[in-house]
């Protein structure tokens, strides 16, 4: 099997790191070699957070090169736009259709770009989902990450049960029920 490259992008506090660990555990559940690389920017202040997840028969490096991501899982649409150059031709993006203004926008020194969805759709095969709304319906707005993994799971040739096993082996017990519900809702969205 070739290596599967998944770039997970978002804003600090959105659960991108947990999502990368779930996806890493997914690779392990499949019996693959797995490499993760986390880049934390100003995560605690709502800054950009990027994680690289690679799994396959043999993975030699943890970082995905530009133009090589099979999948981009984006927790916020500006982050999707910023990182879309990593998507390979024929790759797919899964984007939480949410706007989180970066600090320059918040303090008034910049403007949030207009028409991001159209700009992404012009260049990539993309699925937009209101993961925040679904996470709230599941019972916790912080479950956006697992909602997105559910959407992704429904679009990959990997058994649903393998995703569930990866979630169970990653998410702390006290948050497991809500996350499994969020996964199901994302999977069925």
N, C-alpha and C. Protein backbone atom coordinates (compact mmCIF):
# COMPACT_ATOMS: atom_id res chain seq x y z
N UNK A 1 0.84 -1.19 0.00
CA UNK A 1 0.00 0.00 0.00
C UNK A 1 0.87 1.24 0.00
N UNK A 2 0.47 2.20 -0.75
CA UNK A 2 1.16 3.49 -0.73
C UNK A 2 0.89 4.17 0.61
N UNK A 3 1.63 5.19 0.86
CA UNK A 3 1.45 5.95 2.10
C UNK A 3 0.25 6.88 1.95
N UNK A 4 -0.58 6.94 2.98
CA UNK A 4 -1.70 7.88 3.03
C UNK A 4 -1.23 9.11 3.79
N UNK A 5 -1.39 10.28 3.18
CA UNK A 5 -0.95 11.55 3.76
C UNK A 5 -2.17 12.40 4.10
N UNK A 6 -2.34 12.72 5.39
CA UNK A 6 -3.47 13.53 5.84
C UNK A 6 -2.93 14.75 6.58
N UNK A 7 -3.27 15.92 6.08
CA UNK A 7 -2.90 17.17 6.73
C UNK A 7 -4.12 17.67 7.50
N UNK A 8 -3.94 17.94 8.79
CA UNK A 8 -5.02 18.42 9.63
C UNK A 8 -4.69 19.85 10.03
N UNK A 9 -5.57 20.79 9.67
CA UNK A 9 -5.30 22.20 9.91
C UNK A 9 -6.46 22.84 10.66
N UNK A 10 -6.11 23.77 11.53
CA UNK A 10 -7.15 24.46 12.29
C UNK A 10 -6.55 25.56 13.12
N UNK A 11 -7.30 25.92 14.15
CA UNK A 11 -6.95 27.01 15.04
C UNK A 11 -6.80 26.42 16.44
N UNK A 12 -5.89 26.97 17.20
CA UNK A 12 -5.67 26.49 18.56
C UNK A 12 -6.96 26.36 19.34
N UNK A 13 -7.14 25.25 20.01
CA UNK A 13 -8.33 25.01 20.81
C UNK A 13 -9.42 24.24 20.10
N UNK A 14 -9.22 23.92 18.82
CA UNK A 14 -10.26 23.22 18.07
C UNK A 14 -10.13 21.70 18.12
N UNK A 15 -9.10 21.19 18.72
CA UNK A 15 -8.95 19.74 18.82
C UNK A 15 -8.20 19.10 17.67
N UNK A 16 -7.38 19.88 16.98
CA UNK A 16 -6.62 19.31 15.87
C UNK A 16 -5.63 18.25 16.35
N UNK A 17 -5.04 18.46 17.52
CA UNK A 17 -4.05 17.50 18.02
C UNK A 17 -4.71 16.18 18.38
N UNK A 18 -5.88 16.23 19.01
CA UNK A 18 -6.61 15.00 19.30
C UNK A 18 -6.98 14.30 18.00
N UNK A 19 -7.41 15.05 17.02
CA UNK A 19 -7.78 14.47 15.72
C UNK A 19 -6.58 13.77 15.09
N UNK A 20 -5.40 14.37 15.19
CA UNK A 20 -4.21 13.74 14.60
C UNK A 20 -3.88 12.45 15.33
N UNK A 21 -4.09 12.43 16.63
CA UNK A 21 -3.83 11.20 17.40
C UNK A 21 -4.84 10.11 17.04
N UNK A 22 -6.10 10.49 16.84
CA UNK A 22 -7.10 9.52 16.39
C UNK A 22 -6.69 8.94 15.04
N UNK A 23 -6.28 9.81 14.12
CA UNK A 23 -5.90 9.33 12.78
C UNK A 23 -4.63 8.49 12.84
N UNK A 24 -3.70 8.85 13.72
CA UNK A 24 -2.51 8.02 13.91
C UNK A 24 -2.89 6.65 14.44
N UNK A 25 -3.81 6.61 15.40
CA UNK A 25 -4.29 5.33 15.94
C UNK A 25 -5.06 4.55 14.89
N UNK A 26 -5.72 5.25 13.98
CA UNK A 26 -6.39 4.57 12.87
C UNK A 26 -5.35 3.79 12.05
N UNK A 27 -4.24 4.45 11.72
CA UNK A 27 -3.17 3.78 10.98
C UNK A 27 -2.64 2.57 11.74
N UNK A 28 -2.48 2.71 13.05
CA UNK A 28 -2.00 1.60 13.87
C UNK A 28 -3.01 0.45 13.88
N UNK A 29 -4.32 0.79 13.97
CA UNK A 29 -5.38 -0.22 13.94
C UNK A 29 -5.31 -1.03 12.64
N UNK A 30 -4.87 -0.36 11.56
CA UNK A 30 -4.77 -1.02 10.25
C UNK A 30 -3.46 -1.79 10.11
N UNK A 31 -2.60 -1.72 11.13
CA UNK A 31 -1.33 -2.44 11.10
C UNK A 31 -0.24 -1.73 10.33
N UNK A 32 -0.37 -0.43 10.15
CA UNK A 32 0.59 0.33 9.35
C UNK A 32 1.67 0.99 10.20
N UNK A 33 2.73 1.36 9.52
CA UNK A 33 3.74 2.24 10.09
C UNK A 33 3.11 3.63 10.10
N UNK A 34 3.28 4.37 11.20
CA UNK A 34 2.63 5.67 11.36
C UNK A 34 3.65 6.71 11.79
N UNK A 35 3.57 7.89 11.18
CA UNK A 35 4.39 9.02 11.62
C UNK A 35 3.48 10.24 11.75
N UNK A 36 3.67 11.00 12.85
CA UNK A 36 2.93 12.24 13.09
C UNK A 36 3.92 13.37 13.28
N UNK A 37 3.52 14.55 12.87
CA UNK A 37 4.31 15.74 13.14
C UNK A 37 3.33 16.85 13.46
N UNK A 38 3.53 17.49 14.61
CA UNK A 38 2.63 18.56 15.05
C UNK A 38 3.38 19.89 15.03
N UNK A 39 2.73 20.89 14.48
CA UNK A 39 3.30 22.24 14.45
C UNK A 39 2.33 23.14 15.20
N UNK A 40 2.78 23.68 16.31
CA UNK A 40 1.89 24.39 17.22
C UNK A 40 1.86 25.90 17.11
N UNK A 41 2.44 26.63 16.29
CA UNK A 41 2.26 28.08 16.24
C UNK A 41 1.81 28.71 17.54
N UNK A 42 0.91 29.63 17.47
CA UNK A 42 0.35 30.30 18.65
C UNK A 42 -0.98 29.64 19.01
N UNK A 43 -0.93 28.36 19.26
CA UNK A 43 -2.14 27.57 19.44
C UNK A 43 -3.04 28.09 20.55
N UNK A 44 -2.46 28.54 21.65
CA UNK A 44 -3.29 28.96 22.78
C UNK A 44 -4.00 30.27 22.51
N UNK A 45 -3.59 31.02 21.54
CA UNK A 45 -4.21 32.31 21.23
C UNK A 45 -5.03 32.26 19.96
N UNK A 46 -5.42 31.10 19.56
CA UNK A 46 -6.24 30.99 18.35
C UNK A 46 -5.41 30.99 17.08
N UNK A 47 -4.12 30.73 17.21
CA UNK A 47 -3.25 30.70 16.04
C UNK A 47 -3.36 29.39 15.28
N UNK A 48 -2.71 29.36 14.15
CA UNK A 48 -2.73 28.21 13.26
C UNK A 48 -2.06 26.99 13.89
N UNK A 49 -2.70 25.84 13.75
CA UNK A 49 -2.14 24.57 14.20
C UNK A 49 -2.24 23.61 13.02
N UNK A 50 -1.12 22.95 12.73
CA UNK A 50 -1.05 22.03 11.60
C UNK A 50 -0.45 20.72 12.07
N UNK A 51 -1.07 19.61 11.71
CA UNK A 51 -0.48 18.32 12.01
C UNK A 51 -0.43 17.48 10.74
N UNK A 52 0.64 16.75 10.62
CA UNK A 52 0.85 15.84 9.49
C UNK A 52 0.66 14.43 10.02
N UNK A 53 -0.17 13.64 9.34
CA UNK A 53 -0.38 12.24 9.69
C UNK A 53 -0.07 11.42 8.44
N UNK A 54 0.85 10.48 8.60
CA UNK A 54 1.22 9.63 7.46
C UNK A 54 1.20 8.18 7.92
N UNK A 55 0.54 7.32 7.16
CA UNK A 55 0.57 5.90 7.48
C UNK A 55 0.58 5.06 6.21
N UNK A 56 1.21 3.89 6.32
CA UNK A 56 1.34 2.97 5.20
C UNK A 56 2.28 1.85 5.57
N UNK A 57 2.70 1.05 4.57
CA UNK A 57 3.59 -0.07 4.84
C UNK A 57 4.88 0.40 5.50
N UNK A 58 5.49 1.45 4.94
CA UNK A 58 6.71 2.01 5.52
C UNK A 58 6.71 3.51 5.27
N UNK A 59 6.77 4.27 6.37
CA UNK A 59 6.79 5.73 6.29
C UNK A 59 8.16 6.19 6.76
N UNK A 60 8.86 6.94 5.92
CA UNK A 60 10.23 7.33 6.24
C UNK A 60 10.35 8.70 6.88
N UNK A 61 9.38 9.58 6.67
CA UNK A 61 9.46 10.94 7.22
C UNK A 61 8.08 11.35 7.72
N UNK A 62 8.02 12.16 8.78
CA UNK A 62 6.73 12.55 9.34
C UNK A 62 6.04 13.71 8.63
N UNK A 63 6.75 14.45 7.80
CA UNK A 63 6.21 15.67 7.22
C UNK A 63 5.77 15.45 5.77
N UNK A 64 4.61 15.98 5.45
CA UNK A 64 4.05 15.91 4.10
C UNK A 64 4.58 17.10 3.30
N UNK A 65 5.05 16.83 2.10
CA UNK A 65 5.51 17.91 1.23
C UNK A 65 4.32 18.59 0.56
N UNK A 66 4.49 19.85 0.19
CA UNK A 66 3.46 20.58 -0.55
C UNK A 66 3.08 19.77 -1.79
N UNK A 67 1.78 19.72 -2.07
CA UNK A 67 1.29 18.99 -3.23
C UNK A 67 1.22 17.49 -3.05
N UNK A 68 1.36 16.99 -1.82
CA UNK A 68 1.39 15.54 -1.60
C UNK A 68 0.30 15.02 -0.65
N UNK A 69 -0.51 15.90 -0.08
CA UNK A 69 -1.56 15.44 0.85
C UNK A 69 -2.71 14.79 0.09
N UNK A 70 -3.05 13.58 0.49
CA UNK A 70 -4.21 12.92 -0.09
C UNK A 70 -5.49 13.57 0.42
N UNK A 71 -5.43 13.99 1.68
CA UNK A 71 -6.60 14.55 2.36
C UNK A 71 -6.16 15.75 3.19
N UNK A 72 -6.96 16.79 3.16
CA UNK A 72 -6.81 17.89 4.11
C UNK A 72 -8.10 17.95 4.90
N UNK A 73 -7.95 17.83 6.21
CA UNK A 73 -9.06 17.94 7.14
C UNK A 73 -8.92 19.31 7.79
N UNK A 74 -9.81 20.24 7.43
CA UNK A 74 -9.68 21.63 7.87
C UNK A 74 -10.80 22.00 8.84
N UNK A 75 -10.41 22.50 10.00
CA UNK A 75 -11.36 22.84 11.05
C UNK A 75 -11.90 24.25 10.92
N UNK A 76 -11.33 25.03 9.99
CA UNK A 76 -11.75 26.41 9.78
C UNK A 76 -11.40 26.75 8.34
N UNK A 77 -12.26 27.52 7.67
CA UNK A 77 -12.08 27.68 6.22
C UNK A 77 -10.89 28.54 5.81
N UNK A 78 -10.49 29.53 6.59
CA UNK A 78 -9.29 30.29 6.24
C UNK A 78 -8.05 29.40 6.33
N UNK A 79 -8.03 28.51 7.32
CA UNK A 79 -6.91 27.56 7.44
C UNK A 79 -6.91 26.61 6.24
N UNK A 80 -8.08 26.20 5.78
CA UNK A 80 -8.16 25.36 4.58
C UNK A 80 -7.54 26.08 3.39
N UNK A 81 -7.88 27.35 3.25
CA UNK A 81 -7.37 28.15 2.14
C UNK A 81 -5.85 28.33 2.24
N UNK A 82 -5.37 28.58 3.45
CA UNK A 82 -3.92 28.78 3.66
C UNK A 82 -3.10 27.55 3.30
N UNK A 83 -3.65 26.38 3.54
CA UNK A 83 -2.89 25.14 3.40
C UNK A 83 -3.27 24.32 2.18
N UNK A 84 -4.18 24.80 1.34
CA UNK A 84 -4.64 23.98 0.22
C UNK A 84 -3.56 23.64 -0.79
N UNK A 85 -2.45 24.39 -0.79
CA UNK A 85 -1.35 24.07 -1.72
C UNK A 85 -0.67 22.75 -1.36
N UNK A 86 -1.00 22.19 -0.20
CA UNK A 86 -0.46 20.89 0.18
C UNK A 86 -1.25 19.74 -0.45
N UNK A 87 -2.46 20.01 -0.92
CA UNK A 87 -3.30 18.96 -1.49
C UNK A 87 -2.75 18.50 -2.83
N UNK A 88 -2.67 17.20 -3.01
CA UNK A 88 -2.20 16.68 -4.29
C UNK A 88 -3.34 16.69 -5.31
N UNK A 89 -2.97 16.64 -6.57
CA UNK A 89 -3.96 16.54 -7.63
C UNK A 89 -4.76 15.26 -7.40
N UNK A 90 -6.08 15.36 -7.37
CA UNK A 90 -6.93 14.22 -7.10
C UNK A 90 -7.21 14.01 -5.62
N UNK A 91 -6.60 14.85 -4.76
CA UNK A 91 -6.85 14.76 -3.33
C UNK A 91 -8.20 15.37 -2.97
N UNK A 92 -8.55 15.29 -1.71
CA UNK A 92 -9.86 15.78 -1.27
C UNK A 92 -9.74 16.56 0.03
N UNK A 93 -10.52 17.62 0.13
CA UNK A 93 -10.56 18.44 1.34
C UNK A 93 -11.92 18.28 2.03
N UNK A 94 -11.86 18.26 3.35
CA UNK A 94 -13.06 18.23 4.19
C UNK A 94 -12.95 19.46 5.07
N UNK A 95 -13.87 20.41 4.90
CA UNK A 95 -13.74 21.72 5.52
C UNK A 95 -14.93 22.04 6.41
N UNK A 96 -14.65 22.33 7.68
CA UNK A 96 -15.66 22.86 8.58
C UNK A 96 -15.97 24.28 8.11
N UNK A 97 -17.19 24.53 7.71
CA UNK A 97 -17.57 25.83 7.15
C UNK A 97 -17.79 26.83 8.29
N UNK A 98 -16.71 27.14 8.96
CA UNK A 98 -16.74 28.03 10.12
C UNK A 98 -15.71 29.14 9.92
N UNK A 99 -16.05 30.32 10.39
CA UNK A 99 -15.13 31.46 10.35
C UNK A 99 -14.66 31.76 11.76
N UNK A 100 -13.35 31.70 11.95
CA UNK A 100 -12.74 32.13 13.20
C UNK A 100 -11.72 33.20 12.82
N UNK A 101 -12.00 34.42 13.22
CA UNK A 101 -11.13 35.53 12.82
C UNK A 101 -9.78 35.45 13.51
N UNK A 102 -8.69 35.52 12.71
CA UNK A 102 -7.36 35.56 13.32
C UNK A 102 -7.13 36.91 14.01
N UNK A 103 -6.13 36.97 14.87
CA UNK A 103 -5.88 38.16 15.68
C UNK A 103 -5.81 39.46 14.86
N UNK A 104 -5.12 39.51 13.70
CA UNK A 104 -5.11 40.78 12.95
C UNK A 104 -6.52 41.27 12.55
N UNK A 105 -7.42 40.33 12.29
CA UNK A 105 -8.81 40.69 11.97
C UNK A 105 -9.51 41.18 13.24
N UNK A 106 -9.29 40.48 14.34
CA UNK A 106 -9.93 40.83 15.61
C UNK A 106 -9.54 42.25 16.04
N UNK A 107 -8.26 42.61 15.88
CA UNK A 107 -7.81 43.94 16.32
C UNK A 107 -7.98 45.02 15.25
N UNK A 108 -8.49 44.62 14.09
CA UNK A 108 -8.82 45.61 13.06
C UNK A 108 -7.71 46.00 12.11
N UNK A 109 -6.59 45.27 12.11
CA UNK A 109 -5.49 45.62 11.20
C UNK A 109 -5.56 44.85 9.89
N UNK A 110 -6.50 43.92 9.78
CA UNK A 110 -6.69 43.15 8.55
C UNK A 110 -8.16 42.80 8.42
N UNK A 111 -8.54 42.34 7.23
CA UNK A 111 -9.91 41.96 6.96
C UNK A 111 -9.95 40.47 6.63
N UNK A 112 -10.97 39.78 7.12
CA UNK A 112 -11.12 38.36 6.79
C UNK A 112 -11.39 38.27 5.29
N UNK A 113 -10.64 37.43 4.57
CA UNK A 113 -10.83 37.35 3.11
C UNK A 113 -12.24 36.93 2.72
N UNK A 114 -12.73 37.51 1.67
CA UNK A 114 -14.06 37.20 1.16
C UNK A 114 -13.97 36.09 0.09
N UNK A 115 -15.03 35.33 -0.03
CA UNK A 115 -15.13 34.33 -1.09
C UNK A 115 -14.19 33.15 -0.95
N UNK A 116 -13.83 32.81 0.29
CA UNK A 116 -12.88 31.70 0.50
C UNK A 116 -13.44 30.38 -0.04
N UNK A 117 -14.69 30.09 0.24
CA UNK A 117 -15.26 28.81 -0.23
C UNK A 117 -15.15 28.68 -1.74
N UNK A 118 -15.45 29.75 -2.45
CA UNK A 118 -15.37 29.72 -3.91
C UNK A 118 -13.93 29.54 -4.38
N UNK A 119 -13.00 30.22 -3.72
CA UNK A 119 -11.59 30.10 -4.09
C UNK A 119 -11.09 28.68 -3.88
N UNK A 120 -11.51 28.05 -2.81
CA UNK A 120 -11.10 26.66 -2.55
C UNK A 120 -11.77 25.73 -3.56
N UNK A 121 -13.08 25.91 -3.75
CA UNK A 121 -13.83 25.03 -4.66
C UNK A 121 -13.32 25.10 -6.09
N UNK A 122 -12.78 26.25 -6.49
CA UNK A 122 -12.23 26.40 -7.84
C UNK A 122 -11.00 25.52 -8.05
N UNK A 123 -10.29 25.20 -6.97
CA UNK A 123 -9.01 24.50 -7.11
C UNK A 123 -8.99 23.11 -6.48
N UNK A 124 -10.01 22.73 -5.74
CA UNK A 124 -9.95 21.46 -5.02
C UNK A 124 -11.30 20.76 -4.98
N UNK A 125 -11.24 19.44 -4.85
CA UNK A 125 -12.43 18.64 -4.59
C UNK A 125 -12.68 18.77 -3.09
N UNK A 126 -13.77 19.42 -2.73
CA UNK A 126 -13.99 19.78 -1.33
C UNK A 126 -15.41 19.45 -0.87
N UNK A 127 -15.51 19.02 0.36
CA UNK A 127 -16.80 18.84 1.03
C UNK A 127 -16.83 19.83 2.19
N UNK A 128 -17.82 20.71 2.18
CA UNK A 128 -18.03 21.64 3.29
C UNK A 128 -19.09 21.07 4.21
N UNK A 129 -18.87 21.24 5.50
CA UNK A 129 -19.84 20.74 6.47
C UNK A 129 -19.89 21.70 7.65
N UNK A 130 -21.06 21.94 8.17
CA UNK A 130 -21.19 22.78 9.36
C UNK A 130 -20.98 21.88 10.58
N UNK A 131 -19.71 21.55 10.81
CA UNK A 131 -19.36 20.62 11.89
C UNK A 131 -19.65 21.20 13.27
N UNK A 132 -19.57 22.52 13.40
CA UNK A 132 -19.87 23.15 14.69
C UNK A 132 -21.33 22.93 15.06
N UNK A 133 -22.23 23.12 14.10
CA UNK A 133 -23.66 22.90 14.34
C UNK A 133 -23.92 21.45 14.75
N UNK A 134 -23.29 20.52 14.03
CA UNK A 134 -23.49 19.10 14.33
C UNK A 134 -22.92 18.77 15.71
N UNK A 135 -21.75 19.32 16.03
CA UNK A 135 -21.13 19.06 17.34
C UNK A 135 -22.04 19.57 18.46
N UNK A 136 -22.62 20.75 18.28
CA UNK A 136 -23.55 21.28 19.28
C UNK A 136 -24.76 20.36 19.43
N UNK A 137 -25.28 19.86 18.30
CA UNK A 137 -26.42 18.93 18.34
C UNK A 137 -26.04 17.63 19.05
N UNK A 138 -24.77 17.24 18.91
CA UNK A 138 -24.29 16.02 19.58
C UNK A 138 -24.12 16.24 21.08
N UNK A 139 -24.04 17.52 21.48
CA UNK A 139 -23.95 17.81 22.91
C UNK A 139 -22.71 18.53 23.37
N UNK A 140 -21.74 18.78 22.46
CA UNK A 140 -20.53 19.48 22.86
C UNK A 140 -19.88 20.13 21.66
N UNK A 141 -19.81 21.46 21.68
CA UNK A 141 -19.24 22.19 20.54
C UNK A 141 -17.76 21.85 20.30
N UNK A 142 -17.10 21.28 21.31
CA UNK A 142 -15.69 20.91 21.15
C UNK A 142 -15.52 19.62 20.35
N UNK A 143 -16.60 18.97 19.98
CA UNK A 143 -16.51 17.71 19.24
C UNK A 143 -16.45 17.93 17.72
N UNK A 144 -16.19 19.17 17.28
CA UNK A 144 -16.05 19.47 15.85
C UNK A 144 -15.04 18.51 15.22
N UNK A 145 -13.94 18.25 15.92
CA UNK A 145 -12.89 17.39 15.38
C UNK A 145 -13.41 15.99 15.06
N UNK A 146 -14.19 15.43 15.95
CA UNK A 146 -14.69 14.06 15.75
C UNK A 146 -15.82 14.04 14.72
N UNK A 147 -16.60 15.11 14.64
CA UNK A 147 -17.61 15.23 13.58
C UNK A 147 -16.91 15.16 12.22
N UNK A 148 -15.83 15.93 12.08
CA UNK A 148 -15.09 15.94 10.81
C UNK A 148 -14.49 14.57 10.50
N UNK A 149 -14.01 13.88 11.53
CA UNK A 149 -13.48 12.53 11.31
C UNK A 149 -14.60 11.59 10.86
N UNK A 150 -15.81 11.80 11.38
CA UNK A 150 -16.96 11.01 10.92
C UNK A 150 -17.26 11.24 9.45
N UNK A 151 -17.22 12.50 9.03
CA UNK A 151 -17.44 12.82 7.61
C UNK A 151 -16.35 12.16 6.76
N UNK A 152 -15.11 12.28 7.21
CA UNK A 152 -13.99 11.67 6.51
C UNK A 152 -14.17 10.15 6.42
N UNK A 153 -14.57 9.52 7.52
CA UNK A 153 -14.73 8.07 7.56
C UNK A 153 -15.72 7.59 6.51
N UNK A 154 -16.76 8.37 6.29
CA UNK A 154 -17.78 7.98 5.31
C UNK A 154 -17.28 8.15 3.88
N UNK A 155 -16.10 8.74 3.72
CA UNK A 155 -15.54 8.97 2.39
C UNK A 155 -14.22 8.25 2.17
N UNK A 156 -13.89 7.30 3.04
CA UNK A 156 -12.66 6.52 2.89
C UNK A 156 -13.01 5.04 2.77
N UNK A 157 -12.13 4.29 2.15
CA UNK A 157 -12.32 2.85 2.02
C UNK A 157 -11.73 2.11 3.22
N UNK A 158 -12.14 2.55 4.39
CA UNK A 158 -11.72 1.91 5.65
C UNK A 158 -13.00 1.65 6.43
N UNK A 159 -13.10 0.46 6.98
CA UNK A 159 -14.30 0.09 7.73
C UNK A 159 -14.58 1.08 8.87
N UNK A 160 -15.83 1.40 9.03
CA UNK A 160 -16.28 2.32 10.09
C UNK A 160 -15.82 1.85 11.47
N UNK A 161 -15.86 0.55 11.71
CA UNK A 161 -15.47 0.00 13.02
C UNK A 161 -14.01 0.29 13.36
N UNK A 162 -13.17 0.41 12.34
CA UNK A 162 -11.75 0.72 12.58
C UNK A 162 -11.62 2.15 13.10
N UNK A 163 -12.40 3.06 12.54
CA UNK A 163 -12.42 4.44 13.04
C UNK A 163 -12.91 4.46 14.49
N UNK A 164 -13.97 3.72 14.76
CA UNK A 164 -14.52 3.69 16.12
C UNK A 164 -13.48 3.14 17.11
N UNK A 165 -12.78 2.10 16.71
CA UNK A 165 -11.72 1.54 17.57
C UNK A 165 -10.62 2.58 17.82
N UNK A 166 -10.27 3.35 16.78
CA UNK A 166 -9.24 4.39 16.93
C UNK A 166 -9.72 5.48 17.89
N UNK A 167 -10.98 5.85 17.81
CA UNK A 167 -11.53 6.85 18.72
C UNK A 167 -11.51 6.31 20.15
N UNK A 168 -11.95 5.07 20.31
CA UNK A 168 -11.99 4.47 21.65
C UNK A 168 -10.60 4.37 22.28
N UNK A 169 -9.58 4.17 21.45
CA UNK A 169 -8.22 4.03 21.98
C UNK A 169 -7.55 5.38 22.20
N UNK A 170 -8.20 6.47 21.82
CA UNK A 170 -7.58 7.79 21.91
C UNK A 170 -8.30 8.72 22.89
N UNK A 171 -9.61 8.75 22.81
CA UNK A 171 -10.41 9.71 23.59
C UNK A 171 -10.55 9.22 25.04
N UNK A 172 -10.33 10.11 26.01
CA UNK A 172 -10.52 9.72 27.41
C UNK A 172 -11.94 9.20 27.67
N UNK A 173 -12.04 8.22 28.54
CA UNK A 173 -13.30 7.53 28.83
C UNK A 173 -14.45 8.50 29.14
N UNK A 174 -14.19 9.55 29.93
CA UNK A 174 -15.28 10.45 30.33
C UNK A 174 -15.86 11.25 29.17
N UNK A 175 -15.13 11.33 28.04
CA UNK A 175 -15.63 12.06 26.86
C UNK A 175 -16.02 11.12 25.72
N UNK A 176 -15.92 9.82 25.96
CA UNK A 176 -16.10 8.86 24.87
C UNK A 176 -17.51 8.86 24.29
N UNK A 177 -18.55 8.82 25.14
CA UNK A 177 -19.93 8.73 24.63
C UNK A 177 -20.27 9.90 23.71
N UNK A 178 -19.93 11.11 24.15
CA UNK A 178 -20.26 12.29 23.35
C UNK A 178 -19.49 12.29 22.02
N UNK A 179 -18.24 11.81 22.06
CA UNK A 179 -17.44 11.75 20.84
C UNK A 179 -17.92 10.67 19.89
N UNK A 180 -18.36 9.55 20.42
CA UNK A 180 -18.92 8.52 19.54
C UNK A 180 -20.22 9.00 18.89
N UNK A 181 -21.01 9.75 19.64
CA UNK A 181 -22.24 10.33 19.09
C UNK A 181 -21.88 11.35 17.99
N UNK A 182 -20.88 12.19 18.25
CA UNK A 182 -20.44 13.18 17.25
C UNK A 182 -19.92 12.49 16.00
N UNK A 183 -19.18 11.40 16.18
CA UNK A 183 -18.67 10.63 15.03
C UNK A 183 -19.83 10.12 14.19
N UNK A 184 -20.81 9.49 14.83
CA UNK A 184 -21.97 8.95 14.13
C UNK A 184 -22.71 10.04 13.36
N UNK A 185 -22.89 11.19 14.01
CA UNK A 185 -23.61 12.29 13.36
C UNK A 185 -22.83 12.82 12.16
N UNK A 186 -21.51 12.91 12.30
CA UNK A 186 -20.67 13.33 11.17
C UNK A 186 -20.69 12.29 10.06
N UNK A 187 -20.61 11.03 10.43
CA UNK A 187 -20.63 9.94 9.45
C UNK A 187 -21.91 9.98 8.64
N UNK A 188 -23.03 10.28 9.29
CA UNK A 188 -24.34 10.28 8.63
C UNK A 188 -24.74 11.62 8.03
N UNK A 189 -23.90 12.63 8.19
CA UNK A 189 -24.25 13.98 7.70
C UNK A 189 -24.28 14.03 6.18
